[in-house]
Every structure is written in C-alpha cells, then in structure tokens.
Protein backbone atom coordinates (compact mmCIF):
# COMPACT_ATOMS: atom_id res chain seq x y z
CA MET A 1 -206.93 22.55 29.16
CA LYS A 2 -203.47 22.67 27.72
CA ARG A 3 -202.66 19.33 29.35
CA LEU A 4 -205.81 17.80 27.90
CA THR A 5 -204.85 18.95 24.42
CA VAL A 6 -201.32 17.47 24.69
CA LEU A 7 -202.72 14.18 25.95
CA LEU A 8 -205.15 13.92 23.05
CA LEU A 9 -202.36 14.56 20.53
CA PHE A 10 -200.22 11.85 22.15
CA CYS A 11 -203.05 9.32 22.05
CA LEU A 12 -203.78 10.16 18.42
CA CYS A 13 -200.15 9.60 17.39
CA ALA A 14 -200.00 6.37 19.34
CA ALA A 15 -203.14 5.15 17.58
CA GLN A 16 -201.80 5.99 14.03
CA ALA A 17 -198.34 4.44 14.57
CA PRO A 18 -199.43 0.74 14.18
CA ALA A 19 -201.35 1.65 11.02
CA LEU A 20 -198.33 3.34 9.44
CA ASP A 21 -196.01 0.50 10.45
CA ARG A 22 -198.34 -2.29 9.23
CA LYS A 23 -197.69 -1.91 5.47
CA PRO A 24 -193.89 -2.48 5.50
CA ARG A 25 -194.27 -5.45 7.84
CA ASN A 26 -196.88 -7.04 5.47
CA LEU A 27 -194.77 -6.40 2.28
CA ARG A 28 -191.61 -8.09 3.57
CA PRO A 29 -193.21 -11.49 4.19
CA ALA A 30 -194.93 -11.35 0.75
CA ALA A 31 -191.68 -10.56 -1.05
CA GLN A 32 -189.86 -13.24 0.85
CA ALA A 33 -192.61 -15.71 0.00
CA ALA A 34 -192.42 -14.79 -3.68
CA GLU A 35 -188.67 -15.21 -3.64
CA THR A 36 -189.06 -18.57 -1.91
CA GLU A 37 -191.59 -19.78 -4.51
CA THR A 38 -189.40 -18.62 -7.39
CA GLY A 39 -186.38 -20.33 -5.91
CA ALA A 40 -188.38 -23.50 -5.52
CA GLU A 41 -189.37 -23.41 -9.19
CA GLU A 42 -185.78 -22.85 -10.21
CA TRP A 43 -184.63 -25.66 -7.99
CA GLN A 44 -187.22 -27.96 -9.52
CA LEU A 45 -185.94 -27.15 -13.05
CA GLU A 46 -182.36 -27.75 -12.04
CA GLU A 47 -183.07 -31.12 -10.47
CA PRO A 48 -181.24 -33.99 -12.25
CA VAL A 49 -183.29 -36.11 -14.64
CA GLN A 50 -184.16 -39.49 -13.23
CA PRO A 51 -182.56 -42.40 -15.19
CA GLN A 52 -184.91 -44.00 -17.69
CA SER A 53 -185.70 -47.64 -17.93
CA ALA A 54 -184.38 -49.70 -20.87
CA PRO A 55 -187.61 -49.52 -23.00
CA GLN A 56 -187.89 -45.78 -22.38
CA ALA A 57 -184.23 -45.25 -23.34
CA ALA A 58 -184.71 -47.26 -26.55
CA GLU A 59 -187.81 -45.25 -27.48
CA THR A 60 -185.97 -42.00 -26.80
CA ALA A 61 -183.02 -43.15 -28.97
CA VAL A 62 -185.38 -43.98 -31.86
CA HIS A 63 -187.07 -40.58 -31.82
CA SER A 64 -183.93 -38.57 -31.19
CA THR A 65 -182.21 -36.84 -34.11
CA PRO A 66 -178.93 -38.61 -35.04
CA GLU A 67 -175.81 -36.54 -35.07
CA PRO A 68 -174.52 -35.84 -38.60
CA GLU A 69 -171.51 -37.90 -39.65
CA PRO A 70 -168.33 -36.00 -40.38
CA ALA A 71 -167.97 -35.07 -44.03
CA CYS A 72 -165.44 -36.98 -46.16
CA VAL A 73 -162.39 -34.85 -46.64
CA ILE A 74 -161.03 -35.04 -50.20
CA PRO A 75 -157.32 -34.27 -50.33
CA GLU A 76 -156.30 -31.50 -52.64
CA LEU A 77 -154.34 -32.70 -55.69
CA SER A 78 -151.76 -30.77 -57.62
CA ALA A 79 -152.14 -30.15 -61.35
CA GLU A 80 -149.44 -32.74 -62.03
CA GLN A 81 -151.28 -35.40 -59.99
CA VAL A 82 -154.56 -34.64 -61.77
CA ASP A 83 -152.88 -34.94 -65.17
CA SER A 84 -151.30 -38.22 -64.13
CA LEU A 85 -154.61 -39.67 -62.97
CA VAL A 86 -156.39 -38.57 -66.15
CA ALA A 87 -153.63 -40.06 -68.32
CA GLU A 88 -153.82 -43.36 -66.43
CA TRP A 89 -157.61 -43.46 -66.77
CA ARG A 90 -157.42 -42.82 -70.52
CA GLU A 91 -154.74 -45.47 -70.90
CA ARG A 92 -156.96 -48.01 -69.16
CA GLN A 93 -159.90 -47.04 -71.35
CA ARG A 94 -157.81 -47.50 -74.51
CA SER A 95 -156.46 -50.81 -73.27
CA GLU A 96 -159.92 -52.15 -72.42
CA ALA A 97 -161.36 -50.97 -75.76
CA PHE A 98 -158.50 -52.59 -77.67
CA ARG A 99 -158.87 -55.87 -75.75
CA GLU A 100 -162.62 -55.95 -76.38
CA PHE A 101 -162.14 -55.25 -80.08
CA PHE A 102 -159.47 -57.93 -80.43
CA ASN A 103 -161.49 -60.57 -78.58
CA THR A 104 -164.58 -59.86 -80.70
CA TYR A 105 -163.17 -59.33 -84.18
CA VAL A 106 -159.89 -61.27 -84.35
CA LEU A 107 -159.87 -64.32 -82.06
CA VAL A 108 -160.90 -67.44 -83.91
CA ASP A 109 -163.05 -68.86 -81.11
CA SER A 110 -165.24 -65.78 -80.66
CA LEU A 111 -168.96 -66.38 -81.07
CA PRO A 112 -169.85 -66.00 -84.77
CA ALA A 113 -172.61 -63.59 -85.68
CA GLU A 114 -175.51 -64.79 -87.81
CA SER A 115 -176.53 -63.25 -91.11
CA SER A 116 -179.24 -63.89 -93.68
CA VAL A 117 -177.04 -62.93 -96.63
CA PRO A 118 -176.57 -65.91 -98.99
CA ASP A 119 -173.06 -67.32 -99.46
CA SER A 120 -173.22 -66.60 -103.19
CA VAL A 121 -173.58 -62.87 -102.46
CA TYR A 122 -170.49 -62.81 -100.24
CA THR A 123 -168.50 -64.85 -102.77
CA GLY A 124 -169.42 -62.57 -105.66
CA ARG A 125 -168.60 -59.39 -103.74
CA LEU A 126 -165.17 -60.67 -102.67
CA ARG A 127 -164.32 -61.65 -106.24
CA ALA A 128 -165.42 -58.21 -107.45
CA LEU A 129 -162.68 -56.60 -105.35
CA ALA A 130 -160.10 -57.97 -107.85
CA SER A 131 -157.21 -57.75 -105.41
CA PRO A 132 -153.73 -59.27 -105.86
CA ILE A 133 -154.29 -60.61 -102.32
CA GLN A 134 -156.33 -63.79 -102.36
CA LEU A 135 -159.68 -63.24 -100.62
CA PRO A 136 -161.29 -66.69 -100.54
CA TYR A 137 -164.69 -67.37 -99.01
CA ASN A 138 -165.57 -70.15 -96.58
CA SER A 139 -167.51 -70.67 -93.35
CA ILE A 140 -164.69 -69.16 -91.25
CA VAL A 141 -164.51 -66.05 -93.43
CA ARG A 142 -168.28 -65.77 -93.31
CA SER A 143 -168.28 -65.66 -89.50
CA TYR A 144 -165.74 -62.81 -89.54
CA ILE A 145 -167.67 -60.84 -92.15
CA ASN A 146 -170.78 -61.15 -90.02
CA ARG A 147 -168.93 -59.87 -86.94
CA TYR A 148 -168.10 -56.63 -88.71
CA VAL A 149 -171.47 -55.96 -90.35
CA ALA A 150 -173.73 -57.27 -87.55
CA SER A 151 -174.96 -55.49 -84.39
CA GLY A 152 -175.91 -52.34 -86.23
CA GLY A 153 -172.35 -51.73 -87.40
CA SER A 154 -171.42 -49.49 -84.46
CA THR A 155 -167.81 -50.69 -84.41
CA ILE A 156 -167.23 -50.63 -88.16
CA GLY A 157 -168.98 -47.26 -88.31
CA ARG A 158 -166.42 -45.81 -85.90
CA ILE A 159 -163.58 -47.44 -87.83
CA LEU A 160 -164.92 -46.05 -91.10
CA GLY A 161 -164.95 -42.59 -89.56
CA MET A 162 -161.32 -42.92 -88.51
CA SER A 163 -160.43 -44.36 -91.94
CA GLN A 164 -161.25 -40.99 -93.51
CA TYR A 165 -158.28 -39.62 -91.61
CA TYR A 166 -155.79 -42.52 -91.73
CA PHE A 167 -156.45 -44.32 -95.02
CA PRO A 168 -155.31 -41.50 -97.36
CA LEU A 169 -151.83 -41.41 -95.81
CA ILE A 170 -151.67 -45.23 -95.57
CA GLU A 171 -152.71 -45.67 -99.21
CA ASP A 172 -150.11 -43.12 -100.33
CA GLU A 173 -147.32 -45.08 -98.65
CA LEU A 174 -148.58 -48.42 -100.01
CA ILE A 175 -148.69 -47.06 -103.55
CA LYS A 176 -145.19 -45.56 -103.22
CA GLU A 177 -143.83 -48.95 -102.14
CA GLY A 178 -145.71 -50.85 -104.88
CA LEU A 179 -147.81 -52.80 -102.39
CA PRO A 180 -151.50 -53.80 -102.74
CA VAL A 181 -153.70 -51.01 -101.51
CA GLU A 182 -155.93 -53.60 -99.79
CA LEU A 183 -153.27 -53.89 -97.09
CA ARG A 184 -154.83 -50.73 -95.64
CA ALA A 185 -157.18 -53.11 -93.77
CA LEU A 186 -154.31 -54.48 -91.67
CA PRO A 187 -154.38 -51.58 -89.16
CA ILE A 188 -158.11 -52.28 -88.69
CA ILE A 189 -157.48 -55.73 -87.26
CA GLU A 190 -154.21 -54.71 -85.62
CA SER A 191 -155.42 -51.71 -83.63
CA GLY A 192 -158.98 -50.80 -84.65
CA LEU A 193 -157.37 -47.74 -86.31
CA SER A 194 -156.16 -46.35 -82.99
CA SER A 195 -152.69 -44.84 -83.13
CA THR A 196 -152.35 -45.07 -79.34
CA ALA A 197 -153.46 -48.70 -78.94
CA ILE A 198 -151.16 -50.84 -76.79
CA SER A 199 -151.58 -54.61 -76.55
CA HIS A 200 -151.01 -56.75 -73.46
CA ALA A 201 -147.78 -58.00 -75.11
CA GLY A 202 -146.39 -54.45 -75.50
CA ALA A 203 -147.11 -53.84 -79.20
CA ALA A 204 -148.15 -50.25 -79.95
CA GLY A 205 -149.53 -47.96 -82.60
CA LEU A 206 -151.64 -48.37 -85.73
CA TRP A 207 -149.51 -51.28 -86.94
CA GLN A 208 -148.84 -52.80 -83.49
CA PHE A 209 -145.04 -52.95 -83.69
CA MET A 210 -143.19 -54.69 -80.90
CA PRO A 211 -140.32 -52.52 -79.57
CA SER A 212 -137.58 -54.71 -81.10
CA THR A 213 -139.28 -54.94 -84.51
CA GLY A 214 -139.97 -51.22 -84.54
CA ARG A 215 -136.33 -50.39 -83.82
CA SER A 216 -135.13 -52.80 -86.53
CA TYR A 217 -137.21 -50.84 -89.07
CA GLY A 218 -135.96 -47.43 -88.01
CA LEU A 219 -138.49 -46.38 -85.37
CA GLU A 220 -137.21 -44.67 -82.24
CA VAL A 221 -138.58 -46.34 -79.12
CA ASN A 222 -137.42 -45.23 -75.69
CA SER A 223 -138.75 -43.75 -72.45
CA LEU A 224 -139.23 -40.33 -74.06
CA VAL A 225 -140.13 -41.05 -77.70
CA ASP A 226 -142.24 -43.83 -79.21
CA GLU A 227 -142.47 -43.46 -82.98
CA ARG A 228 -144.61 -46.59 -83.18
CA CYS A 229 -147.50 -44.24 -82.36
CA ASP A 230 -146.58 -41.87 -85.22
CA PRO A 231 -149.05 -42.71 -88.03
CA ILE A 232 -146.73 -41.67 -90.88
CA LEU A 233 -143.45 -43.10 -89.58
CA SER A 234 -145.04 -46.36 -88.44
CA THR A 235 -146.77 -46.76 -91.83
CA LYS A 236 -143.45 -46.35 -93.64
CA ALA A 237 -141.89 -48.98 -91.37
CA ALA A 238 -144.85 -51.35 -91.86
CA CYS A 239 -144.53 -51.08 -95.64
CA ARG A 240 -140.87 -52.05 -95.48
CA TYR A 241 -141.67 -54.95 -93.15
CA LEU A 242 -144.46 -56.24 -95.41
CA LYS A 243 -142.21 -56.08 -98.46
CA ASP A 244 -139.61 -58.18 -96.66
CA LEU A 245 -142.20 -60.76 -95.63
CA TYR A 246 -143.53 -61.04 -99.17
CA ARG A 247 -140.01 -61.61 -100.49
CA ILE A 248 -139.74 -64.57 -98.12
CA TYR A 249 -143.07 -66.31 -98.85
CA LYS A 250 -144.08 -65.01 -102.29
CA GLU A 251 -147.71 -65.26 -101.14
CA TRP A 252 -149.74 -62.59 -99.37
CA SER A 253 -151.78 -64.74 -96.99
CA LEU A 254 -148.56 -66.22 -95.55
CA ALA A 255 -146.94 -62.78 -95.41
CA ILE A 256 -149.97 -61.39 -93.54
CA ALA A 257 -149.91 -64.33 -91.11
CA ALA A 258 -146.17 -63.77 -90.53
CA TYR A 259 -146.84 -60.10 -89.82
CA ASN A 260 -148.98 -61.23 -86.90
CA CYS A 261 -147.01 -64.11 -85.38
CA GLY A 262 -143.55 -63.68 -86.91
CA PRO A 263 -141.75 -65.65 -89.64
CA GLY A 264 -140.53 -68.20 -87.09
CA ASN A 265 -144.03 -69.43 -86.25
CA VAL A 266 -145.05 -69.52 -89.91
CA ASN A 267 -141.94 -71.54 -90.79
CA LYS A 268 -142.73 -74.01 -87.99
CA ALA A 269 -146.31 -74.35 -89.28
CA LEU A 270 -145.03 -74.93 -92.82
CA ALA A 271 -142.70 -77.64 -91.56
CA ARG A 272 -145.45 -79.38 -89.60
CA ALA A 273 -147.74 -79.26 -92.63
CA GLY A 274 -145.20 -81.19 -94.69
CA GLY A 275 -143.22 -78.41 -96.31
CA GLU A 276 -145.30 -78.33 -99.50
CA SER A 277 -147.90 -75.81 -98.31
CA ARG A 278 -148.39 -72.70 -100.37
CA SER A 279 -151.06 -70.70 -98.52
CA PHE A 280 -152.41 -69.75 -95.13
CA TRP A 281 -155.24 -72.26 -95.38
CA ASP A 282 -152.80 -75.13 -95.86
CA ILE A 283 -151.18 -74.47 -92.49
CA TYR A 284 -154.27 -73.18 -90.67
CA ASP A 285 -154.34 -75.96 -88.07
CA PHE A 286 -150.65 -75.55 -87.21
CA LEU A 287 -150.67 -71.80 -86.53
CA PRO A 288 -151.07 -70.13 -83.13
CA ARG A 289 -154.66 -69.56 -82.02
CA GLU A 290 -154.47 -65.81 -82.54
CA THR A 291 -153.06 -66.09 -86.05
CA ARG A 292 -155.74 -68.58 -87.18
CA GLY A 293 -158.24 -65.76 -86.92
CA TYR A 294 -155.92 -63.10 -88.35
CA VAL A 295 -156.25 -63.68 -92.11
CA PRO A 296 -160.03 -64.34 -91.94
CA ALA A 297 -160.38 -61.14 -89.92
CA PHE A 298 -158.39 -59.30 -92.61
CA ILE A 299 -160.78 -60.57 -95.29
CA GLY A 300 -163.79 -59.65 -93.16
CA ALA A 301 -162.47 -56.12 -92.57
CA SER A 302 -161.75 -55.68 -96.29
CA TYR A 303 -165.29 -56.74 -97.13
CA ALA A 304 -166.87 -54.50 -94.49
CA TYR A 305 -164.87 -51.48 -95.67
CA SER A 306 -165.88 -51.99 -99.32
CA TYR A 307 -169.55 -52.99 -98.82
CA HIS A 308 -170.64 -51.31 -95.60
CA ARG A 309 -173.41 -49.37 -97.36
CA ASN A 310 -174.95 -52.63 -98.59
CA HIS A 311 -175.53 -53.41 -94.91
CA GLY A 312 -176.85 -49.98 -93.97
CA ILE A 313 -173.66 -48.90 -92.17
CA GLU A 314 -172.48 -45.30 -92.44
CA PRO A 315 -169.22 -43.80 -91.18
CA GLU A 316 -169.40 -41.96 -87.90
CA ALA A 317 -167.94 -38.47 -87.65
CA ALA A 318 -164.21 -38.64 -86.98
CA PRO A 319 -163.27 -37.13 -83.58
CA ILE A 320 -160.23 -35.46 -85.14
CA PRO A 321 -159.84 -32.96 -88.02
CA LEU A 322 -159.65 -34.68 -91.39
CA SER A 323 -157.26 -32.08 -92.76
CA VAL A 324 -154.40 -30.52 -90.84
CA ASP A 325 -151.28 -28.48 -91.56
CA THR A 326 -147.89 -29.97 -90.74
CA ILE A 327 -145.12 -27.60 -89.66
CA ARG A 328 -141.60 -28.98 -89.64
CA ILE A 329 -138.91 -27.16 -87.66
C-alpha cells in the first residue's frame, strides 16, 4: 500500500512537469520573434535611400525649402567716420543744388520759361524800381524774369525766405559803403543765398569769392579757416571789390559783369567791340558764355524780389533763426 502511494505521487509529478515547463519554453521564442521583427523594422528604416532619377531630383529640388542666405554684415563705424560721411553727403547735396540753380537761372542757353505777362507790364515795373543801376528790358531779360517767377516760384520762394535773414546785413553794408542797395540781388545769382555754396571752379560763400580774390580783400582762406563763408566778412569784402570795379568802368552793368568774369575778360570784350562801348549790352557778344547770362539774371532776380507777390509767390519759412545774438570773445 505504501509502495502504491509513492508510485502514484511519482507519476503525478512526472505528469505535471511538462505542463509547468511549457510556459517558459513558449515565451522565449515569442520574445525572440518580437525582437527579430523590431530589428527588421529598424534595419528597414536605416537602409540607405536609393538614388533618384534626374526628373525626380529636379522635382525634389523645386519643392525643397532653400537654405537662407547669410545676412549682410555691416561694419561698425566710429563717430568720426559717421561725421565724415554725413559731411561729405551734405557737401555733395549743396554742390548739386548749386549746380542745378546755376544751370537753370544764370546760363544764357538755358530753356526760357514762357509767361503771359505783357512786355509793357515788365517794362513799367522795372522803371518803377528807380535804381541807379540800369535795368533795361528786352527779350533776354524777359526769359530770365520768367525763369524766376515760373514753375510755381518754389526756388524764388526759398530764396525769399533766406533773404529775410541775409538781406538786412547785406543792405547795411551797402548803405555804409554808399553803394546801390539793389546790389543785394548779386548773392542770389552768385550762390542762391547759400553761405556754404562752392562752385566747380572753387569759388565759395554768398559772394562766390575765389581764394586769391578773397585773400586780396582781407579774407582769411586756408585749410582751417575760410572767411569766404562768413556772411558779414564776405559782404564787407564784396562791397570793397564792387567799389573798385565801379571806379574802373564808371558803369554798373560793366562792373557787375567784371565781378563775374574779372576785369581782364571785360577789357578784352571792350577791345573787341571797338573800344567805344559804354555798357554790358554793347559787348554782350564778346563776353564769356557764363557772363552773357549774368547781368540779365541780375535784372531778373531784382524783378522777382520786388514783384514776387504779383505772381502769387510767397517767401518760405527760413530754416535758420532770423534774429540771433552775437558774442565776441
């Protein structure tokens, strides 16, 4: 009986052993299979991309996002370099503005502007100025008058605004020297009433003195100081120069022409005209091209200054204070 019981226990254990051992043996192949499948997927993702054909590559390039270009690097400038660049830019602006003004309002071969004002009106207004300087009227003078009062008067409006600042001191010096006050119009055609104007020939200031002429009339001109751009000092020098020219020619139109081109050129023109000429108009054809338009431009500027309101032109606001205090050390 005892042997039968031991035998039954042994058979029972032998029968349960395969059942207990079956689960681990079934799990290992499943895990290994899962790992194998995962590894296959990873291997498929890591496989190199097959090279594309030419059309496919072109299509891919079209739809791909282009790489951004590198930004332009602006070098840092010192304060001195910035000031230098700004000064150069302003100098170019002044030079271009002066050249445009001169080509439009002084050169004799500039295109004349048209006007519906009768000649008799211009003649009567010029005579009404009653100036010791002869202000005759003709077709050339008419074209210069029209240049100043045409095109809405934008240029003469700016000049009139600046005249509120410069003309009082210019008129004071002219009166002190016993000169006609109408000579105040000379800086209009010389520089457009810009004290910093510099011509292509090197003349500078309101009165456009050349360096040698400025020095001969007491103006300091060097690399540090340029008194040609000083409105008061240059006006004093211009008055002395104009008085000397009038002593030579005893006629204002010739003196004004000589102020522009120099006494030498006026003397040559007088000689070519026969030596008996007494006015600018007698030697008109023998003067330099620039000077032929100088006296007519002076008459046109004088007219525009006196009669601008008759043409609906008003002064623009001056960009500088009209009254300042001067402190001398």
